[in-house]
PDB file of all heavy atoms in Angstrom:
ATOM      1  N   ASP A   1       9.395  -5.355 -22.426  1.00  0.00           N
ATOM      2  CA  ASP A   1       9.473  -5.566 -23.868  1.00  0.00           C
ATOM      3  C   ASP A   1      10.552  -4.731 -24.514  1.00  0.00           C
ATOM      4  O   ASP A   1      11.153  -4.984 -25.411  1.00  0.00           O
ATOM      5  CB  ASP A   1       8.156  -5.511 -24.542  1.00  0.00           C
ATOM      6  CG  ASP A   1       7.201  -6.599 -24.110  1.00  0.00           C
ATOM      7  OD1 ASP A   1       7.638  -7.770 -23.812  1.00  0.00           O
ATOM      8  OD2 ASP A   1       5.934  -6.275 -23.897  1.00  0.00           O
ATOM      9  N   THR A   2      10.415  -3.337 -24.059  1.00  0.00           N
ATOM     10  CA  THR A   2      11.205  -2.350 -24.835  1.00  0.00           C
ATOM     11  C   THR A   2      12.485  -1.917 -24.195  1.00  0.00           C
ATOM     12  O   THR A   2      13.363  -1.284 -24.763  1.00  0.00           O
ATOM     13  CB  THR A   2      10.291  -1.161 -25.058  1.00  0.00           C
ATOM     14  OG1 THR A   2      10.081  -0.413 -23.729  1.00  0.00           O
ATOM     15  CG2 THR A   2       9.026  -1.421 -25.670  1.00  0.00           C
ATOM     16  N   GLY A   3      12.650  -2.234 -22.801  1.00  0.00           N
ATOM     17  CA  GLY A   3      13.810  -1.831 -22.064  1.00  0.00           C
ATOM     18  C   GLY A   3      13.676  -0.379 -21.684  1.00  0.00           C
ATOM     19  O   GLY A   3      14.581   0.250 -20.980  1.00  0.00           O
ATOM     20  N   GLU A   4      12.526   0.344 -22.095  1.00  0.00           N
ATOM     21  CA  GLU A   4      12.369   1.775 -21.592  1.00  0.00           C
ATOM     22  C   GLU A   4      12.191   1.945 -20.067  1.00  0.00           C
ATOM     23  O   GLU A   4      11.733   1.228 -19.354  1.00  0.00           O
ATOM     24  CB  GLU A   4      11.020   2.231 -22.154  1.00  0.00           C
ATOM     25  CG  GLU A   4      10.508   3.717 -21.755  1.00  0.00           C
ATOM     26  CD  GLU A   4       9.102   3.868 -21.977  1.00  0.00           C
ATOM     27  OE1 GLU A   4       8.300   2.953 -22.170  1.00  0.00           O
ATOM     28  OE2 GLU A   4       8.812   5.083 -21.868  1.00  0.00           O
ATOM     29  N   VAL A   5      12.980   2.827 -19.631  1.00  0.00           N
ATOM     30  CA  VAL A   5      12.967   3.257 -18.135  1.00  0.00           C
ATOM     31  C   VAL A   5      11.687   3.836 -17.791  1.00  0.00           C
ATOM     32  O   VAL A   5      11.138   4.495 -18.601  1.00  0.00           O
ATOM     33  CB  VAL A   5      14.104   4.156 -17.776  1.00  0.00           C
ATOM     34  CG1 VAL A   5      14.034   4.661 -16.340  1.00  0.00           C
ATOM     35  CG2 VAL A   5      15.471   3.616 -18.020  1.00  0.00           C
ATOM     36  N   LEU A   6      11.178   3.414 -16.597  1.00  0.00           N
ATOM     37  CA  LEU A   6       9.970   3.974 -16.093  1.00  0.00           C
ATOM     38  C   LEU A   6       9.821   5.432 -16.243  1.00  0.00           C
ATOM     39  O   LEU A   6      10.682   6.196 -15.650  1.00  0.00           O
ATOM     40  CB  LEU A   6       9.750   3.526 -14.628  1.00  0.00           C
ATOM     41  CG  LEU A   6       8.432   3.813 -13.905  1.00  0.00           C
ATOM     42  CD1 LEU A   6       7.370   2.850 -14.653  1.00  0.00           C
ATOM     43  CD2 LEU A   6       8.492   3.728 -12.498  1.00  0.00           C
ATOM     44  N   PRO A   7       8.852   5.926 -17.100  1.00  0.00           N
ATOM     45  CA  PRO A   7       8.879   7.414 -17.283  1.00  0.00           C
ATOM     46  C   PRO A   7       8.557   8.200 -15.934  1.00  0.00           C
ATOM     47  O   PRO A   7       7.815   7.684 -15.040  1.00  0.00           O
ATOM     48  CB  PRO A   7       7.649   7.532 -18.368  1.00  0.00           C
ATOM     49  CG  PRO A   7       6.920   6.280 -18.225  1.00  0.00           C
ATOM     50  CD  PRO A   7       7.817   5.269 -17.763  1.00  0.00           C
ATOM     51  N   ASP A   8       8.910   9.495 -16.127  1.00  0.00           N
ATOM     52  CA  ASP A   8       8.711  10.243 -14.909  1.00  0.00           C
ATOM     53  C   ASP A   8       7.232  10.320 -14.405  1.00  0.00           C
ATOM     54  O   ASP A   8       6.961  10.288 -13.145  1.00  0.00           O
ATOM     55  CB  ASP A   8       9.028  11.871 -15.220  1.00  0.00           C
ATOM     56  CG  ASP A   8      10.579  11.821 -15.415  1.00  0.00           C
ATOM     57  OD1 ASP A   8      11.428  10.999 -14.818  1.00  0.00           O
ATOM     58  OD2 ASP A   8      10.978  12.673 -16.161  1.00  0.00           O
ATOM     59  N   ARG A   9       6.358  10.347 -15.330  1.00  0.00           N
ATOM     60  CA  ARG A   9       4.826  10.372 -14.933  1.00  0.00           C
ATOM     61  C   ARG A   9       4.526   9.168 -14.133  1.00  0.00           C
ATOM     62  O   ARG A   9       3.739   9.149 -13.168  1.00  0.00           O
ATOM     63  CB  ARG A   9       4.001  10.338 -16.215  1.00  0.00           C
ATOM     64  CG  ARG A   9       2.565  10.274 -16.018  1.00  0.00           C
ATOM     65  CD  ARG A   9       1.758  10.244 -17.342  1.00  0.00           C
ATOM     66  NE  ARG A   9       1.978   8.964 -18.045  1.00  0.00           N
ATOM     67  CZ  ARG A   9       1.381   7.894 -17.697  1.00  0.00           C
ATOM     68  NH1 ARG A   9       0.537   7.683 -16.734  1.00  0.00           N
ATOM     69  NH2 ARG A   9       1.743   6.755 -18.471  1.00  0.00           N
ATOM     70  N   LEU A  10       5.038   8.025 -14.470  1.00  0.00           N
ATOM     71  CA  LEU A  10       4.726   6.772 -13.705  1.00  0.00           C
ATOM     72  C   LEU A  10       5.551   6.704 -12.491  1.00  0.00           C
ATOM     73  O   LEU A  10       5.130   6.067 -11.446  1.00  0.00           O
ATOM     74  CB  LEU A  10       4.889   5.448 -14.499  1.00  0.00           C
ATOM     75  CG  LEU A  10       3.938   5.318 -15.618  1.00  0.00           C
ATOM     76  CD1 LEU A  10       4.437   3.995 -16.431  1.00  0.00           C
ATOM     77  CD2 LEU A  10       2.642   5.333 -15.332  1.00  0.00           C
ATOM     78  N   VAL A  11       6.685   7.276 -12.419  1.00  0.00           N
ATOM     79  CA  VAL A  11       7.401   7.385 -11.142  1.00  0.00           C
ATOM     80  C   VAL A  11       6.670   8.174 -10.196  1.00  0.00           C
ATOM     81  O   VAL A  11       6.559   7.705  -8.965  1.00  0.00           O
ATOM     82  CB  VAL A  11       8.861   8.087 -11.443  1.00  0.00           C
ATOM     83  CG1 VAL A  11       9.515   8.362 -10.013  1.00  0.00           C
ATOM     84  CG2 VAL A  11       9.703   7.220 -12.238  1.00  0.00           C
ATOM     85  N   LYS A  12       6.056   9.270 -10.552  1.00  0.00           N
ATOM     86  CA  LYS A  12       5.194   9.988  -9.685  1.00  0.00           C
ATOM     87  C   LYS A  12       4.072   9.253  -9.213  1.00  0.00           C
ATOM     88  O   LYS A  12       3.620   9.187  -8.070  1.00  0.00           O
ATOM     89  CB  LYS A  12       4.755  11.239 -10.426  1.00  0.00           C
ATOM     90  CG  LYS A  12       4.087  12.210  -9.542  1.00  0.00           C
ATOM     91  CD  LYS A  12       3.818  13.603 -10.233  1.00  0.00           C
ATOM     92  CE  LYS A  12       3.169  14.672  -9.374  1.00  0.00           C
ATOM     93  NZ  LYS A  12       1.730  14.464  -9.238  1.00  0.00           N
ATOM     94  N   ALA A  13       3.460   8.506 -10.063  1.00  0.00           N
ATOM     95  CA  ALA A  13       2.325   7.596  -9.833  1.00  0.00           C
ATOM     96  C   ALA A  13       2.525   6.648  -8.838  1.00  0.00           C
ATOM     97  O   ALA A  13       1.853   6.294  -7.883  1.00  0.00           O
ATOM     98  CB  ALA A  13       1.612   6.997 -10.998  1.00  0.00           C
ATOM     99  N   VAL A  14       3.745   5.944  -9.018  1.00  0.00           N
ATOM    100  CA  VAL A  14       4.177   4.845  -8.108  1.00  0.00           C
ATOM    101  C   VAL A  14       4.481   5.508  -6.730  1.00  0.00           C
ATOM    102  O   VAL A  14       3.999   4.837  -5.720  1.00  0.00           O
ATOM    103  CB  VAL A  14       5.439   4.176  -8.632  1.00  0.00           C
ATOM    104  CG1 VAL A  14       6.110   3.470  -7.478  1.00  0.00           C
ATOM    105  CG2 VAL A  14       5.210   3.278  -9.828  1.00  0.00           C
ATOM    106  N   ARG A  15       5.074   6.570  -6.555  1.00  0.00           N
ATOM    107  CA  ARG A  15       5.268   7.220  -5.284  1.00  0.00           C
ATOM    108  C   ARG A  15       4.023   7.679  -4.559  1.00  0.00           C
ATOM    109  O   ARG A  15       3.700   7.435  -3.396  1.00  0.00           O
ATOM    110  CB  ARG A  15       6.223   8.412  -5.401  1.00  0.00           C
ATOM    111  CG  ARG A  15       7.579   8.032  -5.763  1.00  0.00           C
ATOM    112  CD  ARG A  15       8.438   9.244  -6.019  1.00  0.00           C
ATOM    113  NE  ARG A  15       8.849   9.763  -4.734  1.00  0.00           N
ATOM    114  CZ  ARG A  15       9.492  10.902  -4.543  1.00  0.00           C
ATOM    115  NH1 ARG A  15      10.011  11.607  -5.621  1.00  0.00           N
ATOM    116  NH2 ARG A  15       9.592  11.380  -3.368  1.00  0.00           N
ATOM    117  N   GLU A  16       3.124   8.040  -5.330  1.00  0.00           N
ATOM    118  CA  GLU A  16       1.683   8.449  -4.890  1.00  0.00           C
ATOM    119  C   GLU A  16       0.996   7.351  -4.497  1.00  0.00           C
ATOM    120  O   GLU A  16       0.176   7.255  -3.430  1.00  0.00           O
ATOM    121  CB  GLU A  16       0.872   9.357  -5.718  1.00  0.00           C
ATOM    122  CG  GLU A  16       1.496  10.776  -6.071  1.00  0.00           C
ATOM    123  CD  GLU A  16       0.758  11.560  -7.140  1.00  0.00           C
ATOM    124  OE1 GLU A  16      -0.137  10.910  -7.845  1.00  0.00           O
ATOM    125  OE2 GLU A  16       0.930  12.650  -7.227  1.00  0.00           O
ATOM    126  N   GLN A  17       1.089   6.138  -5.175  1.00  0.00           N
ATOM    127  CA  GLN A  17       0.463   5.017  -5.023  1.00  0.00           C
ATOM    128  C   GLN A  17       0.684   4.332  -3.531  1.00  0.00           C
ATOM    129  O   GLN A  17       0.025   3.662  -2.894  1.00  0.00           O
ATOM    130  CB  GLN A  17       0.744   3.982  -5.928  1.00  0.00           C
ATOM    131  CG  GLN A  17      -0.182   2.776  -6.055  1.00  0.00           C
ATOM    132  CD  GLN A  17       0.070   1.820  -7.196  1.00  0.00           C
ATOM    133  OE1 GLN A  17       1.173   1.494  -7.435  1.00  0.00           O
ATOM    134  NE2 GLN A  17      -0.908   1.481  -7.963  1.00  0.00           N
ATOM    135  N   SER A  18       2.009   4.787  -3.054  1.00  0.00           N
ATOM    136  CA  SER A  18       2.393   4.127  -1.758  1.00  0.00           C
ATOM    137  C   SER A  18       1.470   4.740  -0.719  1.00  0.00           C
ATOM    138  O   SER A  18       1.414   4.099   0.397  1.00  0.00           O
ATOM    139  CB  SER A  18       3.786   4.534  -1.450  1.00  0.00           C
ATOM    140  OG  SER A  18       3.955   5.929  -1.314  1.00  0.00           O
ATOM    141  N   LYS A  19       0.780   5.810  -0.914  1.00  0.00           N
ATOM    142  CA  LYS A  19      -0.178   6.361   0.093  1.00  0.00           C
ATOM    143  C   LYS A  19      -1.638   6.020  -0.226  1.00  0.00           C
ATOM    144  O   LYS A  19      -2.484   6.389   0.584  1.00  0.00           O
ATOM    145  CB  LYS A  19      -0.013   7.812   0.272  1.00  0.00           C
ATOM    146  CG  LYS A  19       1.273   8.208   0.752  1.00  0.00           C
ATOM    147  CD  LYS A  19       1.417   9.677   1.127  1.00  0.00           C
ATOM    148  CE  LYS A  19       1.171  10.575  -0.210  1.00  0.00           C
ATOM    149  NZ  LYS A  19       2.290  10.303  -1.271  1.00  0.00           N
ATOM    150  N   TRP A  20      -1.914   5.343  -1.318  1.00  0.00           N
ATOM    151  CA  TRP A  20      -3.174   5.172  -1.822  1.00  0.00           C
ATOM    152  C   TRP A  20      -3.806   4.062  -1.032  1.00  0.00           C
ATOM    153  O   TRP A  20      -3.242   3.084  -0.843  1.00  0.00           O
ATOM    154  CB  TRP A  20      -3.240   4.821  -3.379  1.00  0.00           C
ATOM    155  CG  TRP A  20      -4.517   4.715  -3.918  1.00  0.00           C
ATOM    156  CD1 TRP A  20      -5.320   3.618  -3.935  1.00  0.00           C
ATOM    157  CD2 TRP A  20      -5.366   5.614  -4.479  1.00  0.00           C
ATOM    158  NE1 TRP A  20      -6.599   3.887  -4.421  1.00  0.00           N
ATOM    159  CE2 TRP A  20      -6.484   5.208  -4.793  1.00  0.00           C
ATOM    160  CE3 TRP A  20      -5.062   6.998  -4.768  1.00  0.00           C
ATOM    161  CZ2 TRP A  20      -7.593   5.898  -5.435  1.00  0.00           C
ATOM    162  CZ3 TRP A  20      -6.166   7.852  -5.431  1.00  0.00           C
ATOM    163  CH2 TRP A  20      -7.383   7.266  -5.696  1.00  0.00           C
ATOM    164  N   GLY A  21      -5.028   4.176  -0.742  1.00  0.00           N
ATOM    165  CA  GLY A  21      -5.880   3.076   0.025  1.00  0.00           C
ATOM    166  C   GLY A  21      -5.142   2.784   1.361  1.00  0.00           C
ATOM    167  O   GLY A  21      -5.502   1.656   1.844  1.00  0.00           O
ATOM    168  N   GLN A  22      -4.579   3.727   2.022  1.00  0.00           N
ATOM    169  CA  GLN A  22      -3.946   3.425   3.399  1.00  0.00           C
ATOM    170  C   GLN A  22      -5.036   3.234   4.478  1.00  0.00           C
ATOM    171  O   GLN A  22      -4.734   2.564   5.426  1.00  0.00           O
ATOM    172  CB  GLN A  22      -2.839   4.416   3.644  1.00  0.00           C
ATOM    173  CG  GLN A  22      -1.549   4.245   2.997  1.00  0.00           C
ATOM    174  CD  GLN A  22      -1.046   2.873   3.268  1.00  0.00           C
ATOM    175  OE1 GLN A  22      -0.968   2.340   4.346  1.00  0.00           O
ATOM    176  NE2 GLN A  22      -0.621   2.106   2.270  1.00  0.00           N
ATOM    177  N   GLY A  23      -6.112   3.871   4.312  1.00  0.00           N
ATOM    178  CA  GLY A  23      -7.221   3.725   5.190  1.00  0.00           C
ATOM    179  C   GLY A  23      -7.624   2.263   5.235  1.00  0.00           C
ATOM    180  O   GLY A  23      -7.744   1.572   6.292  1.00  0.00           O
ATOM    181  N   PHE A  24      -7.945   1.682   3.965  1.00  0.00           N
ATOM    182  CA  PHE A  24      -8.186   0.226   3.985  1.00  0.00           C
ATOM    183  C   PHE A  24      -7.213  -0.691   4.384  1.00  0.00           C
ATOM    184  O   PHE A  24      -7.404  -1.517   5.413  1.00  0.00           O
ATOM    185  CB  PHE A  24      -8.709  -0.037   2.525  1.00  0.00           C
ATOM    186  CG  PHE A  24      -9.053  -1.517   2.242  1.00  0.00           C
ATOM    187  CD1 PHE A  24     -10.414  -1.716   1.979  1.00  0.00           C
ATOM    188  CD2 PHE A  24      -8.134  -2.486   2.281  1.00  0.00           C
ATOM    189  CE1 PHE A  24     -10.832  -3.034   1.780  1.00  0.00           C
ATOM    190  CE2 PHE A  24      -8.550  -3.891   2.068  1.00  0.00           C
ATOM    191  CZ  PHE A  24      -9.806  -4.063   1.640  1.00  0.00           C
ATOM    192  N   ALA A  25      -6.012  -0.414   3.881  1.00  0.00           N
ATOM    193  CA  ALA A  25      -4.843  -1.367   4.345  1.00  0.00           C
ATOM    194  C   ALA A  25      -4.564  -1.341   5.788  1.00  0.00           C
ATOM    195  O   ALA A  25      -4.321  -2.314   6.396  1.00  0.00           O
ATOM    196  CB  ALA A  25      -3.622  -1.054   3.437  1.00  0.00           C
ATOM    197  N   THR A  26      -4.565  -0.030   6.288  1.00  0.00           N
ATOM    198  CA  THR A  26      -4.250  -0.011   7.843  1.00  0.00           C
ATOM    199  C   THR A  26      -5.385  -0.555   8.548  1.00  0.00           C
ATOM    200  O   THR A  26      -5.055  -1.338   9.617  1.00  0.00           O
ATOM    201  CB  THR A  26      -3.946   1.436   8.155  1.00  0.00           C
ATOM    202  OG1 THR A  26      -2.943   2.057   7.195  1.00  0.00           O
ATOM    203  CG2 THR A  26      -3.449   1.611   9.566  1.00  0.00           C
ATOM    204  N   THR A  27      -6.515  -0.422   8.166  1.00  0.00           N
ATOM    205  CA  THR A  27      -7.666  -0.953   8.932  1.00  0.00           C
ATOM    206  C   THR A  27      -7.760  -2.481   8.932  1.00  0.00           C
ATOM    207  O   THR A  27      -7.929  -3.152   9.947  1.00  0.00           O
ATOM    208  CB  THR A  27      -8.932  -0.213   8.499  1.00  0.00           C
ATOM    209  OG1 THR A  27      -8.976   1.214   8.594  1.00  0.00           O
ATOM    210  CG2 THR A  27     -10.207  -0.861   9.357  1.00  0.00           C
ATOM    211  N   GLU A  28      -7.530  -3.128   7.785  1.00  0.00           N
ATOM    212  CA  GLU A  28      -7.480  -4.444   7.693  1.00  0.00           C
ATOM    213  C   GLU A  28      -6.386  -4.995   8.570  1.00  0.00           C
ATOM    214  O   GLU A  28      -6.468  -6.168   9.302  1.00  0.00           O
ATOM    215  CB  GLU A  28      -7.547  -5.025   6.330  1.00  0.00           C
ATOM    216  CG  GLU A  28      -6.250  -4.827   5.662  1.00  0.00           C
ATOM    217  CD  GLU A  28      -6.000  -5.698   4.351  1.00  0.00           C
ATOM    218  OE1 GLU A  28      -6.923  -6.538   4.113  1.00  0.00           O
ATOM    219  OE2 GLU A  28      -4.926  -5.731   3.816  1.00  0.00           O
ATOM    220  N   TYR A  29      -5.210  -4.423   8.565  1.00  0.00           N
ATOM    221  CA  TYR A  29      -4.100  -4.739   9.397  1.00  0.00           C
ATOM    222  C   TYR A  29      -4.333  -4.718  10.837  1.00  0.00           C
ATOM    223  O   TYR A  29      -4.075  -5.617  11.656  1.00  0.00           O
ATOM    224  CB  TYR A  29      -2.925  -4.109   8.954  1.00  0.00           C
ATOM    225  CG  TYR A  29      -1.782  -4.202  10.066  1.00  0.00           C
ATOM    226  CD1 TYR A  29      -1.037  -5.401  10.047  1.00  0.00           C
ATOM    227  CD2 TYR A  29      -1.402  -3.296  11.030  1.00  0.00           C
ATOM    228  CE1 TYR A  29      -0.043  -5.614  11.041  1.00  0.00           C
ATOM    229  CE2 TYR A  29      -0.424  -3.404  11.877  1.00  0.00           C
ATOM    230  CZ  TYR A  29       0.194  -4.617  11.936  1.00  0.00           C
ATOM    231  OH  TYR A  29       1.166  -4.828  12.913  1.00  0.00           O
ATOM    232  N   LEU A  30      -4.916  -3.507  11.275  1.00  0.00           N
ATOM    233  CA  LEU A  30      -5.299  -3.264  12.590  1.00  0.00           C
ATOM    234  C   LEU A  30      -6.328  -4.200  13.155  1.00  0.00           C
ATOM    235  O   LEU A  30      -6.238  -4.538  14.301  1.00  0.00           O
ATOM    236  CB  LEU A  30      -5.703  -1.758  12.826  1.00  0.00           C
ATOM    237  CG  LEU A  30      -4.559  -0.764  12.700  1.00  0.00           C
ATOM    238  CD1 LEU A  30      -5.230   0.610  12.585  1.00  0.00           C
ATOM    239  CD2 LEU A  30      -3.582  -0.828  13.764  1.00  0.00           C
ATOM    240  N   ALA A  31      -7.201  -4.550  12.265  1.00  0.00           N
ATOM    241  CA  ALA A  31      -8.268  -5.478  12.718  1.00  0.00           C
ATOM    242  C   ALA A  31      -7.650  -6.803  13.045  1.00  0.00           C
ATOM    243  O   ALA A  31      -8.083  -7.424  14.131  1.00  0.00           O
ATOM    244  CB  ALA A  31      -9.350  -5.595  11.535  1.00  0.00           C
ATOM    245  N   ALA A  32      -6.691  -7.282  12.240  1.00  0.00           N
ATOM    246  CA  ALA A  32      -5.912  -8.495  12.652  1.00  0.00           C
ATOM    247  C   ALA A  32      -5.232  -8.293  13.916  1.00  0.00           C
ATOM    248  O   ALA A  32      -5.131  -9.281  14.769  1.00  0.00           O
ATOM    249  CB  ALA A  32      -4.915  -8.868  11.478  1.00  0.00           C
ATOM    250  N   CYS A  33      -4.549  -7.175  14.150  1.00  0.00           N
ATOM    251  CA  CYS A  33      -3.889  -6.943  15.498  1.00  0.00           C
ATOM    252  C   CYS A  33      -4.853  -7.060  16.568  1.00  0.00           C
ATOM    253  O   CYS A  33      -4.386  -7.842  17.645  1.00  0.00           O
ATOM    254  CB  CYS A  33      -3.142  -5.657  15.405  1.00  0.00           C
ATOM    255  SG  CYS A  33      -1.808  -5.422  14.289  1.00  0.00           S
ATOM    256  N   TRP A  34      -6.028  -6.320  16.498  1.00  0.00           N
ATOM    257  CA  TRP A  34      -6.887  -6.288  17.619  1.00  0.00           C
ATOM    258  C   TRP A  34      -7.477  -7.724  17.852  1.00  0.00           C
ATOM    259  O   TRP A  34      -7.763  -8.160  18.977  1.00  0.00           O
ATOM    260  CB  TRP A  34      -8.037  -5.357  17.421  1.00  0.00           C
ATOM    261  CG  TRP A  34      -7.660  -3.970  17.646  1.00  0.00           C
ATOM    262  CD1 TRP A  34      -7.503  -2.979  16.576  1.00  0.00           C
ATOM    263  CD2 TRP A  34      -7.198  -3.295  18.803  1.00  0.00           C
ATOM    264  NE1 TRP A  34      -7.275  -1.770  17.150  1.00  0.00           N
ATOM    265  CE2 TRP A  34      -6.978  -2.042  18.511  1.00  0.00           C
ATOM    266  CE3 TRP A  34      -7.124  -3.847  20.106  1.00  0.00           C
ATOM    267  CZ2 TRP A  34      -6.598  -0.990  19.402  1.00  0.00           C
ATOM    268  CZ3 TRP A  34      -6.735  -2.881  21.085  1.00  0.00           C
ATOM    269  CH2 TRP A  34      -6.517  -1.466  20.836  1.00  0.00           C
ATOM    270  N   LEU A  35      -7.704  -8.488  16.741  1.00  0.00           N
ATOM    271  CA  LEU A  35      -8.224  -9.751  16.860  1.00  0.00           C
ATOM    272  C   LEU A  35      -7.103 -10.734  17.606  1.00  0.00           C
ATOM    273  O   LEU A  35      -7.584 -11.558  18.498  1.00  0.00           O
ATOM    274  CB  LEU A  35      -8.547 -10.391  15.394  1.00  0.00           C
ATOM    275  CG  LEU A  35      -9.145 -11.753  15.422  1.00  0.00           C
ATOM    276  CD1 LEU A  35     -10.482 -11.825  16.167  1.00  0.00           C
ATOM    277  CD2 LEU A  35      -9.431 -12.108  13.811  1.00  0.00           C
ATOM    278  N   ASP A  36      -5.791 -10.639  17.136  1.00  0.00           N
ATOM    279  CA  ASP A  36      -4.800 -11.348  17.811  1.00  0.00           C
ATOM    280  C   ASP A  36      -4.884 -11.038  19.319  1.00  0.00           C
ATOM    281  O   ASP A  36      -4.779 -11.991  20.071  1.00  0.00           O
ATOM    282  CB  ASP A  36      -3.680 -11.040  17.188  1.00  0.00           C
ATOM    283  CG  ASP A  36      -2.268 -11.503  17.827  1.00  0.00           C
ATOM    284  OD1 ASP A  36      -2.398 -12.586  18.487  1.00  0.00           O
ATOM    285  OD2 ASP A  36      -1.286 -11.016  17.647  1.00  0.00           O
ATOM    286  N   LEU A  37      -4.855  -9.849  19.664  1.00  0.00           N
ATOM    287  CA  LEU A  37      -4.864  -9.432  21.084  1.00  0.00           C
ATOM    288  C   LEU A  37      -6.112  -9.887  21.725  1.00  0.00           C
ATOM    289  O   LEU A  37      -6.057 -10.326  23.064  1.00  0.00           O
ATOM    290  CB  LEU A  37      -4.659  -7.883  21.307  1.00  0.00           C
ATOM    291  CG  LEU A  37      -3.240  -7.422  20.977  1.00  0.00           C
ATOM    292  CD1 LEU A  37      -3.184  -5.979  21.082  1.00  0.00           C
ATOM    293  CD2 LEU A  37      -2.237  -8.133  21.608  1.00  0.00           C
ATOM    294  N   ALA A  38      -7.278  -9.812  21.142  1.00  0.00           N
ATOM    295  CA  ALA A  38      -8.554 -10.405  21.789  1.00  0.00           C
ATOM    296  C   ALA A  38      -8.420 -11.728  22.213  1.00  0.00           C
ATOM    297  O   ALA A  38      -8.800 -12.244  23.337  1.00  0.00           O
ATOM    298  CB  ALA A  38      -9.727 -10.139  20.808  1.00  0.00           C
ATOM    299  N   TRP A  39      -7.829 -12.664  21.338  1.00  0.00           N
ATOM    300  CA  TRP A  39      -7.718 -14.111  21.722  1.00  0.00           C
ATOM    301  C   TRP A  39      -6.705 -14.218  22.849  1.00  0.00           C
ATOM    302  O   TRP A  39      -6.790 -15.105  23.723  1.00  0.00           O
ATOM    303  CB  TRP A  39      -7.312 -14.903  20.432  1.00  0.00           C
ATOM    304  CG  TRP A  39      -8.198 -15.205  19.516  1.00  0.00           C
ATOM    305  CD1 TRP A  39      -8.336 -14.723  18.180  1.00  0.00           C
ATOM    306  CD2 TRP A  39      -9.470 -15.969  19.700  1.00  0.00           C
ATOM    307  NE1 TRP A  39      -9.452 -15.246  17.581  1.00  0.00           N
ATOM    308  CE2 TRP A  39     -10.258 -15.920  18.470  1.00  0.00           C
ATOM    309  CE3 TRP A  39      -9.952 -16.654  20.763  1.00  0.00           C
ATOM    310  CZ2 TRP A  39     -11.335 -16.710  18.303  1.00  0.00           C
ATOM    311  CZ3 TRP A  39     -11.115 -17.394  20.538  1.00  0.00           C
ATOM    312  CH2 TRP A  39     -11.883 -17.342  19.389  1.00  0.00           C
ATOM    313  N   HIS A  40      -5.635 -13.421  22.863  1.00  0.00           N
ATOM    314  CA  HIS A  40      -4.501 -13.645  23.718  1.00  0.00           C
ATOM    315  C   HIS A  40      -4.514 -12.723  25.024  1.00  0.00           C
ATOM    316  O   HIS A  40      -3.582 -12.769  25.695  1.00  0.00           O
ATOM    317  CB  HIS A  40      -3.277 -13.597  23.025  1.00  0.00           C
ATOM    318  CG  HIS A  40      -3.007 -14.620  22.027  1.00  0.00           C
ATOM    319  ND1 HIS A  40      -3.026 -14.416  20.653  1.00  0.00           N
ATOM    320  CD2 HIS A  40      -2.964 -16.014  22.223  1.00  0.00           C
ATOM    321  CE1 HIS A  40      -2.935 -15.670  20.021  1.00  0.00           C
ATOM    322  NE2 HIS A  40      -2.804 -16.587  20.882  1.00  0.00           N
TER     323      HIS A  40
END
């Protein structure tokens, strides 16, 4: 709406967010990997 560049505070939050919840994200991915290998 305003054309404002992403402020530094949110830049930092976005970068930190890339590591947020990686336990969940990695585990659900690995579960699919193990399931794939279990079948095959």
